[in-house]
Amino acid sequence: MLERSDGRWLAGKALSYADLSLAQVVAGLVYAFPESMRKELRKCARVQSLHDAIFARPRIRRYVGSERRLDFNNDDLYRRYRDLPK
């Protein structure tokens, strides 16, 4: 869908929940599989670009750095597994 959009967002010319959700999924996968995702994101420049644009937004950057946001950890959906590449 991103490849077919005419802008930097998934649908339309404005940021949407779909963009925020994709950015969070990418962040979680980068946490869970850092090596694999680094390789895969090289193939998906627009997904990487969307992720970077979302996390560069001032209010999101402040939220990510705040106590309100829980860090990724091994008790939630995105976790690192010892037997998978790090």
Protein backbone atom coordinates (compact mmCIF):
# COMPACT_ATOMS: atom_id res chain seq x y z
CA MET A 1 0.00 0.00 0.00
CA LEU A 2 2.81 2.40 0.87
CA GLU A 3 4.42 1.78 -2.50
CA ARG A 4 1.17 2.84 -4.22
CA SER A 5 0.57 5.97 -2.14
CA ASP A 6 1.47 9.32 -3.64
CA GLY A 7 2.89 10.79 -0.48
CA ARG A 8 4.93 9.73 2.47
CA TRP A 9 1.91 8.41 4.42
CA LEU A 10 0.03 5.16 3.88
CA ALA A 11 -3.32 6.63 2.92
CA GLY A 12 -3.74 10.16 1.73
CA LYS A 13 -1.70 13.24 2.39
CA ALA A 14 -2.06 13.33 6.19
CA LEU A 15 -0.72 11.21 9.02
CA SER A 16 -3.18 8.51 10.14
CA TYR A 17 -3.49 5.80 12.77
CA ALA A 18 -2.37 3.33 10.10
CA ASP A 19 0.95 5.19 9.83
CA LEU A 20 1.38 5.25 13.60
CA SER A 21 0.56 1.55 13.82
CA LEU A 22 3.02 0.57 11.08
CA ALA A 23 5.77 2.63 12.71
CA GLN A 24 5.14 0.90 16.06
CA VAL A 25 5.17 -2.55 14.43
CA VAL A 26 8.47 -1.74 12.71
CA ALA A 27 9.93 -0.49 16.01
CA GLY A 28 8.85 -3.70 17.75
CA LEU A 29 10.28 -5.91 15.03
CA VAL A 30 13.57 -3.98 15.11
CA TYR A 31 13.70 -4.64 18.86
CA ALA A 32 12.86 -8.34 18.46
CA PHE A 33 15.01 -9.04 15.40
CA PRO A 34 17.60 -6.26 15.05
CA GLU A 35 19.88 -8.01 12.55
CA SER A 36 17.13 -9.39 10.33
CA MET A 37 15.16 -6.15 10.32
CA ARG A 38 18.22 -4.10 9.44
CA LYS A 39 18.62 -6.27 6.33
CA GLU A 40 14.91 -6.27 5.49
CA LEU A 41 14.44 -2.53 5.92
CA ARG A 42 17.18 -1.91 3.36
CA LYS A 43 14.79 -3.48 0.86
CA CYS A 44 11.87 -1.31 2.04
CA ALA A 45 13.15 2.25 1.98
CA ARG A 46 9.67 3.80 2.16
CA VAL A 47 8.75 1.76 5.25
CA GLN A 48 12.01 2.84 6.89
CA SER A 49 11.30 6.42 5.84
CA LEU A 50 7.78 6.33 7.30
CA HIS A 51 9.09 4.87 10.57
CA ASP A 52 11.78 7.54 10.80
CA ALA A 53 9.32 10.34 9.98
CA ILE A 54 6.90 9.19 12.68
CA PHE A 55 9.54 8.88 15.38
CA ALA A 56 11.09 12.23 14.42
CA ARG A 57 7.87 14.12 15.15
CA PRO A 58 8.44 16.30 18.23
CA ARG A 59 5.44 15.13 20.24
CA ILE A 60 6.13 11.47 19.51
CA ARG A 61 9.81 11.93 20.31
CA ARG A 62 8.82 13.46 23.67
CA TYR A 63 6.41 10.61 24.36
CA VAL A 64 9.00 7.96 23.49
CA GLY A 65 11.45 9.58 25.89
CA SER A 66 8.89 9.90 28.68
CA GLU A 67 8.02 7.61 31.56
CA ARG A 68 4.58 7.08 30.03
CA ARG A 69 5.91 4.82 27.28
CA LEU A 70 6.82 1.33 28.35
CA ASP A 71 10.08 0.08 26.91
CA PHE A 72 10.05 -3.07 24.84
CA ASN A 73 10.80 -6.01 27.11
CA ASN A 74 10.72 -9.79 27.19
CA ASP A 75 7.28 -9.94 28.80
CA ASP A 76 5.28 -8.39 25.97
CA LEU A 77 4.49 -9.03 22.32
CA TYR A 78 7.89 -7.98 20.99
CA ARG A 79 10.68 -9.86 22.73
CA ARG A 80 14.11 -11.12 21.85
CA TYR A 81 14.56 -14.84 21.62
CA ARG A 82 17.90 -16.45 22.41
CA ASP A 83 17.69 -18.97 19.60
CA LEU A 84 16.94 -16.35 16.91
CA PRO A 85 19.40 -13.85 15.41
CA LYS A 86 19.83 -10.72 17.47
